[in-house]
Amino acid sequence: MERTFGIIKPDAVASGKAGAILEMVERAGFRIRGMKMTRLSRAQAEAFYAVHRERPFYASLVNFMTEGPVVVMVLEREDAIRAWRETMGATNPANAAEGTIRKRFAESIERNAVHGSDAPETAAVEIPFFFSTAELLESSAAA
C-alpha cells in the first residue's frame, strides 16, 4: 500500500464541492487515513509552496491558498500517487479528462480544486507538514 497527500483547495470548499470530491476519492478506491479542515496561514502557505518561490505564480498561489478553508487528506491504496493524480486530472482543467475532479470542479489552471503529491519523495514531505503520526490511521487488512 502507498500513501499520498491531497488538498481540497479553497475554491472547491467555498463552492460546496468537498463532499462530492470526497465521494470521488472513495469511489476511486482510496482509504482516507487522515483528514482535517484547516485554514492556512500565509507562513504555512509560503512554506508549503516554497518549491515554487521563484515562479511567477507563487504570490497569487499563496494568496489563493490562504483565502479560505482547505481539507487536507492522507490517502492510501495500491499505487496511490499515480491513482490520485489520475483521479484529479490535468492541472489545467481544459486539458483534464472527462470524469476527473478538475474537469468537473476546477475553475481555472490556478483555481483547480485539488492538490496532490507528485512523487513518493514529495508525499514524504507533504504528509508530515500537516499530520503527526498519531493523527493517521494505521493500515490493516480489516480496515
N, C-alpha and C. Protein backbone atom coordinates (compact mmCIF):
# COMPACT_ATOMS: atom_id res chain seq x y z
N MET A 1 0.84 -1.19 0.00
CA MET A 1 0.00 0.00 0.00
C MET A 1 0.88 1.25 0.00
N GLU A 2 0.41 2.24 -0.70
CA GLU A 2 1.13 3.50 -0.80
C GLU A 2 0.23 4.62 -0.28
N ARG A 3 0.86 5.64 0.29
CA ARG A 3 0.12 6.81 0.76
C ARG A 3 0.49 8.02 -0.07
N THR A 4 -0.47 8.90 -0.22
CA THR A 4 -0.24 10.17 -0.88
C THR A 4 -0.96 11.26 -0.11
N PHE A 5 -0.65 12.47 -0.44
CA PHE A 5 -1.24 13.63 0.22
C PHE A 5 -2.13 14.36 -0.76
N GLY A 6 -3.25 14.86 -0.27
CA GLY A 6 -4.15 15.64 -1.11
C GLY A 6 -4.73 16.82 -0.35
N ILE A 7 -5.08 17.84 -1.10
CA ILE A 7 -5.77 19.01 -0.55
C ILE A 7 -7.00 19.28 -1.41
N ILE A 8 -8.12 19.51 -0.76
CA ILE A 8 -9.27 20.11 -1.42
C ILE A 8 -9.10 21.60 -1.18
N LYS A 9 -8.87 22.34 -2.25
CA LYS A 9 -8.46 23.75 -2.17
C LYS A 9 -9.62 24.68 -1.83
N PRO A 10 -9.30 25.94 -1.48
CA PRO A 10 -10.33 26.89 -1.04
C PRO A 10 -11.48 27.09 -2.03
N ASP A 11 -11.21 27.06 -3.32
CA ASP A 11 -12.28 27.25 -4.30
C ASP A 11 -13.32 26.15 -4.21
N ALA A 12 -12.88 24.90 -4.09
CA ALA A 12 -13.81 23.77 -4.02
C ALA A 12 -14.54 23.72 -2.69
N VAL A 13 -13.86 24.07 -1.60
CA VAL A 13 -14.53 24.11 -0.29
C VAL A 13 -15.59 25.21 -0.29
N ALA A 14 -15.24 26.40 -0.76
CA ALA A 14 -16.17 27.54 -0.76
C ALA A 14 -17.40 27.29 -1.62
N SER A 15 -17.23 26.53 -2.71
CA SER A 15 -18.37 26.28 -3.59
C SER A 15 -19.15 25.03 -3.22
N GLY A 16 -18.83 24.45 -2.07
CA GLY A 16 -19.59 23.31 -1.57
C GLY A 16 -19.33 22.00 -2.30
N LYS A 17 -18.15 21.85 -2.86
CA LYS A 17 -17.82 20.65 -3.63
C LYS A 17 -17.01 19.62 -2.85
N ALA A 18 -16.64 19.92 -1.61
CA ALA A 18 -15.78 18.99 -0.85
C ALA A 18 -16.43 17.62 -0.71
N GLY A 19 -17.71 17.56 -0.42
CA GLY A 19 -18.38 16.27 -0.26
C GLY A 19 -18.37 15.45 -1.53
N ALA A 20 -18.64 16.08 -2.66
CA ALA A 20 -18.62 15.37 -3.95
C ALA A 20 -17.20 14.89 -4.27
N ILE A 21 -16.20 15.69 -3.93
CA ILE A 21 -14.81 15.29 -4.17
C ILE A 21 -14.45 14.10 -3.28
N LEU A 22 -14.86 14.14 -2.01
CA LEU A 22 -14.59 13.02 -1.12
C LEU A 22 -15.28 11.75 -1.61
N GLU A 23 -16.45 11.89 -2.18
CA GLU A 23 -17.14 10.73 -2.76
C GLU A 23 -16.32 10.15 -3.91
N MET A 24 -15.76 11.01 -4.74
CA MET A 24 -14.92 10.55 -5.85
C MET A 24 -13.66 9.86 -5.33
N VAL A 25 -13.10 10.38 -4.23
CA VAL A 25 -11.92 9.78 -3.60
C VAL A 25 -12.24 8.33 -3.20
N GLU A 26 -13.35 8.16 -2.53
CA GLU A 26 -13.71 6.82 -2.06
C GLU A 26 -14.07 5.89 -3.22
N ARG A 27 -14.78 6.41 -4.21
CA ARG A 27 -15.13 5.59 -5.38
C ARG A 27 -13.88 5.14 -6.13
N ALA A 28 -12.81 5.92 -6.06
CA ALA A 28 -11.56 5.57 -6.73
C ALA A 28 -10.75 4.55 -5.93
N GLY A 29 -11.29 4.08 -4.81
CA GLY A 29 -10.65 3.02 -4.05
C GLY A 29 -9.67 3.46 -2.98
N PHE A 30 -9.67 4.74 -2.67
CA PHE A 30 -8.77 5.23 -1.62
C PHE A 30 -9.38 5.03 -0.25
N ARG A 31 -8.51 4.76 0.71
CA ARG A 31 -8.89 4.79 2.12
C ARG A 31 -8.34 6.09 2.68
N ILE A 32 -9.17 6.82 3.39
CA ILE A 32 -8.73 8.08 3.99
C ILE A 32 -8.11 7.75 5.34
N ARG A 33 -6.80 7.98 5.45
CA ARG A 33 -6.06 7.64 6.67
C ARG A 33 -5.89 8.84 7.59
N GLY A 34 -6.14 10.03 7.09
CA GLY A 34 -6.11 11.25 7.87
C GLY A 34 -6.84 12.32 7.10
N MET A 35 -7.59 13.16 7.81
CA MET A 35 -8.30 14.24 7.14
C MET A 35 -8.67 15.30 8.17
N LYS A 36 -8.52 16.56 7.76
CA LYS A 36 -8.97 17.65 8.61
C LYS A 36 -9.18 18.90 7.77
N MET A 37 -10.06 19.75 8.26
CA MET A 37 -10.26 21.04 7.63
C MET A 37 -9.42 22.04 8.41
N THR A 38 -8.76 22.91 7.67
CA THR A 38 -7.91 23.91 8.29
C THR A 38 -7.88 25.15 7.39
N ARG A 39 -7.35 26.20 7.91
CA ARG A 39 -7.12 27.39 7.10
C ARG A 39 -5.64 27.71 7.18
N LEU A 40 -4.99 27.76 6.04
CA LEU A 40 -3.55 28.01 6.02
C LEU A 40 -3.23 29.45 6.34
N SER A 41 -2.26 29.64 7.19
CA SER A 41 -1.71 30.98 7.41
C SER A 41 -0.83 31.31 6.22
N ARG A 42 -0.49 32.57 6.07
CA ARG A 42 0.41 32.97 4.99
C ARG A 42 1.75 32.24 5.13
N ALA A 43 2.26 32.16 6.36
CA ALA A 43 3.54 31.49 6.59
C ALA A 43 3.46 30.00 6.20
N GLN A 44 2.37 29.33 6.53
CA GLN A 44 2.21 27.92 6.15
C GLN A 44 2.18 27.77 4.64
N ALA A 45 1.38 28.60 3.96
CA ALA A 45 1.27 28.51 2.51
C ALA A 45 2.62 28.80 1.84
N GLU A 46 3.32 29.80 2.34
CA GLU A 46 4.64 30.13 1.78
C GLU A 46 5.61 28.97 1.96
N ALA A 47 5.58 28.33 3.12
CA ALA A 47 6.47 27.20 3.38
C ALA A 47 6.08 25.98 2.54
N PHE A 48 4.79 25.70 2.48
CA PHE A 48 4.33 24.53 1.74
C PHE A 48 4.67 24.63 0.25
N TYR A 49 4.51 25.81 -0.31
CA TYR A 49 4.75 26.02 -1.74
C TYR A 49 6.12 26.64 -2.02
N ALA A 50 7.05 26.54 -1.07
CA ALA A 50 8.38 27.14 -1.22
C ALA A 50 9.10 26.67 -2.48
N VAL A 51 8.83 25.47 -2.92
CA VAL A 51 9.46 24.94 -4.14
C VAL A 51 9.13 25.82 -5.36
N HIS A 52 8.01 26.56 -5.29
CA HIS A 52 7.59 27.42 -6.40
C HIS A 52 7.96 28.89 -6.19
N ARG A 53 8.74 29.19 -5.16
CA ARG A 53 9.03 30.57 -4.77
C ARG A 53 9.53 31.44 -5.92
N GLU A 54 10.30 30.90 -6.83
CA GLU A 54 10.87 31.69 -7.92
C GLU A 54 9.95 31.78 -9.15
N ARG A 55 8.82 31.12 -9.09
CA ARG A 55 7.92 31.11 -10.25
C ARG A 55 6.99 32.32 -10.22
N PRO A 56 6.55 32.77 -11.38
CA PRO A 56 5.73 33.98 -11.43
C PRO A 56 4.36 33.85 -10.74
N PHE A 57 3.87 32.64 -10.60
CA PHE A 57 2.55 32.43 -9.99
C PHE A 57 2.59 32.24 -8.47
N TYR A 58 3.77 32.27 -7.87
CA TYR A 58 3.93 31.97 -6.44
C TYR A 58 3.07 32.89 -5.55
N ALA A 59 3.13 34.18 -5.73
CA ALA A 59 2.39 35.12 -4.88
C ALA A 59 0.89 34.90 -4.99
N SER A 60 0.39 34.72 -6.20
CA SER A 60 -1.05 34.52 -6.35
C SER A 60 -1.46 33.16 -5.80
N LEU A 61 -0.60 32.15 -5.89
CA LEU A 61 -0.89 30.84 -5.31
C LEU A 61 -1.00 30.94 -3.79
N VAL A 62 -0.06 31.63 -3.18
CA VAL A 62 -0.11 31.81 -1.72
C VAL A 62 -1.37 32.56 -1.32
N ASN A 63 -1.71 33.62 -2.03
CA ASN A 63 -2.93 34.37 -1.74
C ASN A 63 -4.17 33.49 -1.86
N PHE A 64 -4.24 32.73 -2.93
CA PHE A 64 -5.38 31.83 -3.16
C PHE A 64 -5.49 30.79 -2.05
N MET A 65 -4.39 30.16 -1.68
CA MET A 65 -4.44 29.08 -0.70
C MET A 65 -4.73 29.57 0.72
N THR A 66 -4.65 30.87 0.95
CA THR A 66 -4.96 31.42 2.28
C THR A 66 -6.32 32.10 2.33
N GLU A 67 -7.07 32.09 1.25
CA GLU A 67 -8.32 32.84 1.21
C GLU A 67 -9.49 32.16 1.90
N GLY A 68 -9.36 30.90 2.23
CA GLY A 68 -10.44 30.20 2.90
C GLY A 68 -9.99 28.82 3.35
N PRO A 69 -10.90 28.07 3.97
CA PRO A 69 -10.55 26.74 4.48
C PRO A 69 -10.18 25.77 3.36
N VAL A 70 -9.35 24.81 3.72
CA VAL A 70 -8.99 23.70 2.85
C VAL A 70 -9.23 22.40 3.63
N VAL A 71 -9.32 21.30 2.91
CA VAL A 71 -9.38 19.98 3.52
C VAL A 71 -8.11 19.25 3.12
N VAL A 72 -7.29 18.89 4.12
CA VAL A 72 -6.07 18.15 3.86
C VAL A 72 -6.31 16.68 4.17
N MET A 73 -5.70 15.80 3.35
CA MET A 73 -6.00 14.37 3.46
C MET A 73 -4.76 13.52 3.22
N VAL A 74 -4.72 12.39 3.88
CA VAL A 74 -3.76 11.35 3.57
C VAL A 74 -4.57 10.19 3.00
N LEU A 75 -4.24 9.82 1.76
CA LEU A 75 -4.99 8.80 1.04
C LEU A 75 -4.11 7.58 0.83
N GLU A 76 -4.73 6.40 0.89
CA GLU A 76 -3.96 5.16 0.78
C GLU A 76 -4.66 4.19 -0.16
N ARG A 77 -3.87 3.56 -0.98
CA ARG A 77 -4.28 2.44 -1.84
C ARG A 77 -3.06 1.98 -2.61
N GLU A 78 -3.18 0.91 -3.35
CA GLU A 78 -2.10 0.49 -4.23
C GLU A 78 -1.84 1.60 -5.23
N ASP A 79 -0.58 1.92 -5.48
CA ASP A 79 -0.20 2.90 -6.48
C ASP A 79 -0.93 4.23 -6.27
N ALA A 80 -0.98 4.68 -5.01
CA ALA A 80 -1.80 5.83 -4.62
C ALA A 80 -1.41 7.12 -5.33
N ILE A 81 -0.15 7.39 -5.50
CA ILE A 81 0.27 8.66 -6.09
C ILE A 81 -0.21 8.74 -7.53
N ARG A 82 0.06 7.71 -8.32
CA ARG A 82 -0.41 7.70 -9.70
C ARG A 82 -1.93 7.76 -9.77
N ALA A 83 -2.60 6.96 -8.94
CA ALA A 83 -4.07 6.90 -8.97
C ALA A 83 -4.70 8.24 -8.56
N TRP A 84 -4.13 8.92 -7.56
CA TRP A 84 -4.68 10.20 -7.13
C TRP A 84 -4.49 11.25 -8.22
N ARG A 85 -3.34 11.24 -8.87
CA ARG A 85 -3.10 12.20 -9.94
C ARG A 85 -4.05 11.94 -11.11
N GLU A 86 -4.34 10.70 -11.37
CA GLU A 86 -5.30 10.35 -12.43
C GLU A 86 -6.72 10.78 -12.03
N THR A 87 -7.08 10.59 -10.79
CA THR A 87 -8.41 10.98 -10.29
C THR A 87 -8.57 12.50 -10.32
N MET A 88 -7.49 13.23 -10.01
CA MET A 88 -7.54 14.70 -10.04
C MET A 88 -7.70 15.21 -11.46
N GLY A 89 -6.95 14.66 -12.40
CA GLY A 89 -6.94 15.16 -13.76
C GLY A 89 -5.82 16.17 -13.96
N ALA A 90 -5.65 16.60 -15.20
CA ALA A 90 -4.60 17.55 -15.55
C ALA A 90 -4.74 18.85 -14.76
N THR A 91 -3.60 19.49 -14.46
CA THR A 91 -3.59 20.75 -13.72
C THR A 91 -4.49 21.79 -14.37
N ASN A 92 -4.43 21.88 -15.68
CA ASN A 92 -5.30 22.79 -16.42
C ASN A 92 -6.61 22.04 -16.70
N PRO A 93 -7.72 22.49 -16.12
CA PRO A 93 -8.98 21.75 -16.31
C PRO A 93 -9.41 21.63 -17.77
N ALA A 94 -8.96 22.54 -18.61
CA ALA A 94 -9.28 22.45 -20.04
C ALA A 94 -8.66 21.19 -20.66
N ASN A 95 -7.57 20.71 -20.07
CA ASN A 95 -6.88 19.52 -20.57
C ASN A 95 -7.21 18.26 -19.77
N ALA A 96 -8.04 18.38 -18.74
CA ALA A 96 -8.36 17.24 -17.88
C ALA A 96 -9.34 16.30 -18.55
N ALA A 97 -9.17 15.02 -18.29
CA ALA A 97 -10.06 14.00 -18.85
C ALA A 97 -11.46 14.11 -18.23
N GLU A 98 -12.45 13.73 -19.01
CA GLU A 98 -13.83 13.70 -18.51
C GLU A 98 -13.90 12.82 -17.27
N GLY A 99 -14.70 13.23 -16.31
CA GLY A 99 -14.90 12.45 -15.10
C GLY A 99 -13.88 12.70 -14.02
N THR A 100 -12.83 13.49 -14.29
CA THR A 100 -11.85 13.78 -13.26
C THR A 100 -12.35 14.93 -12.39
N ILE A 101 -11.74 15.07 -11.22
CA ILE A 101 -12.13 16.14 -10.30
C ILE A 101 -11.96 17.50 -10.94
N ARG A 102 -10.83 17.73 -11.56
CA ARG A 102 -10.59 19.05 -12.14
C ARG A 102 -11.50 19.35 -13.32
N LYS A 103 -11.83 18.35 -14.12
CA LYS A 103 -12.75 18.58 -15.23
C LYS A 103 -14.13 18.98 -14.69
N ARG A 104 -14.55 18.34 -13.61
CA ARG A 104 -15.87 18.60 -13.03
C ARG A 104 -15.93 19.88 -12.21
N PHE A 105 -14.86 20.20 -11.45
CA PHE A 105 -14.98 21.24 -10.44
C PHE A 105 -14.01 22.40 -10.53
N ALA A 106 -12.95 22.29 -11.30
CA ALA A 106 -11.95 23.37 -11.34
C ALA A 106 -12.46 24.57 -12.13
N GLU A 107 -12.07 25.76 -11.68
CA GLU A 107 -12.44 27.00 -12.34
C GLU A 107 -11.40 27.41 -13.37
N SER A 108 -10.12 27.13 -13.09
CA SER A 108 -9.03 27.57 -13.95
C SER A 108 -7.78 26.77 -13.60
N ILE A 109 -6.69 27.06 -14.30
CA ILE A 109 -5.43 26.37 -14.03
C ILE A 109 -4.94 26.64 -12.60
N GLU A 110 -5.21 27.82 -12.06
CA GLU A 110 -4.80 28.13 -10.68
C GLU A 110 -5.86 27.69 -9.67
N ARG A 111 -7.11 27.98 -9.94
CA ARG A 111 -8.21 27.62 -9.04
C ARG A 111 -8.73 26.25 -9.49
N ASN A 112 -7.87 25.23 -9.22
CA ASN A 112 -8.12 23.92 -9.82
C ASN A 112 -8.57 22.84 -8.83
N ALA A 113 -9.21 23.25 -7.76
CA ALA A 113 -9.97 22.39 -6.84
C ALA A 113 -9.14 21.50 -5.91
N VAL A 114 -8.07 20.89 -6.39
CA VAL A 114 -7.34 19.91 -5.59
C VAL A 114 -5.83 19.98 -5.84
N HIS A 115 -5.10 19.44 -4.89
CA HIS A 115 -3.65 19.29 -4.98
C HIS A 115 -3.32 17.84 -4.66
N GLY A 116 -2.24 17.34 -5.23
CA GLY A 116 -1.76 16.02 -4.87
C GLY A 116 -0.27 15.91 -5.00
N SER A 117 0.33 15.09 -4.18
CA SER A 117 1.76 14.83 -4.26
C SER A 117 2.09 14.26 -5.63
N ASP A 118 3.26 14.64 -6.16
CA ASP A 118 3.64 14.18 -7.49
C ASP A 118 4.66 13.05 -7.47
N ALA A 119 5.14 12.68 -6.30
CA ALA A 119 6.15 11.62 -6.19
C ALA A 119 6.21 11.14 -4.74
N PRO A 120 6.74 9.93 -4.51
CA PRO A 120 6.87 9.44 -3.13
C PRO A 120 7.67 10.40 -2.25
N GLU A 121 8.71 11.01 -2.81
CA GLU A 121 9.54 11.93 -2.03
C GLU A 121 8.74 13.17 -1.61
N THR A 122 7.87 13.64 -2.48
CA THR A 122 7.02 14.79 -2.18
C THR A 122 6.00 14.43 -1.10
N ALA A 123 5.37 13.27 -1.24
CA ALA A 123 4.40 12.82 -0.24
C ALA A 123 5.05 12.69 1.13
N ALA A 124 6.31 12.24 1.15
CA ALA A 124 7.03 12.07 2.42
C ALA A 124 7.30 13.39 3.12
N VAL A 125 7.28 14.49 2.38
CA VAL A 125 7.44 15.82 2.96
C VAL A 125 6.07 16.44 3.27
N GLU A 126 5.12 16.28 2.35
CA GLU A 126 3.82 16.94 2.48
C GLU A 126 2.96 16.35 3.59
N ILE A 127 2.97 15.03 3.75
CA ILE A 127 2.13 14.41 4.79
C ILE A 127 2.51 14.92 6.18
N PRO A 128 3.78 14.87 6.59
CA PRO A 128 4.10 15.36 7.93
C PRO A 128 4.03 16.88 8.08
N PHE A 129 3.93 17.61 6.98
CA PHE A 129 3.72 19.05 7.06
C PHE A 129 2.39 19.34 7.76
N PHE A 130 1.39 18.48 7.55
CA PHE A 130 0.05 18.70 8.10
C PHE A 130 -0.37 17.69 9.17
N PHE A 131 0.25 16.51 9.20
CA PHE A 131 -0.23 15.45 10.09
C PHE A 131 0.91 14.88 10.93
N SER A 132 0.63 14.68 12.22
CA SER A 132 1.55 13.93 13.05
C SER A 132 1.24 12.44 12.84
N THR A 133 2.18 11.60 13.21
CA THR A 133 1.96 10.15 13.08
C THR A 133 0.73 9.73 13.87
N ALA A 134 0.51 10.33 15.04
CA ALA A 134 -0.62 9.97 15.89
C ALA A 134 -1.97 10.30 15.24
N GLU A 135 -2.00 11.22 14.30
CA GLU A 135 -3.24 11.60 13.64
C GLU A 135 -3.63 10.68 12.49
N LEU A 136 -2.75 9.79 12.10
CA LEU A 136 -3.01 8.93 10.94
C LEU A 136 -3.44 7.54 11.37
N LEU A 137 -4.46 7.05 10.72
CA LEU A 137 -4.92 5.68 10.98
C LEU A 137 -3.96 4.70 10.37
N GLU A 138 -3.73 3.62 11.09
CA GLU A 138 -2.83 2.59 10.59
C GLU A 138 -3.53 1.78 9.50
N SER A 139 -2.74 1.23 8.61
CA SER A 139 -3.26 0.32 7.60
C SER A 139 -3.55 -1.01 8.26
N SER A 140 -4.59 -1.65 7.80
CA SER A 140 -4.87 -3.01 8.27
C SER A 140 -5.74 -3.72 7.24
N ALA A 141 -5.64 -5.01 7.21
CA ALA A 141 -6.43 -5.78 6.25
C ALA A 141 -7.92 -5.64 6.53
N ALA A 142 -8.27 -5.43 7.79
CA ALA A 142 -9.69 -5.31 8.15
C ALA A 142 -10.25 -3.92 7.93
N ALA A 143 -9.38 -2.94 7.74
CA ALA A 143 -9.84 -1.56 7.63
C ALA A 143 -10.57 -1.30 6.34
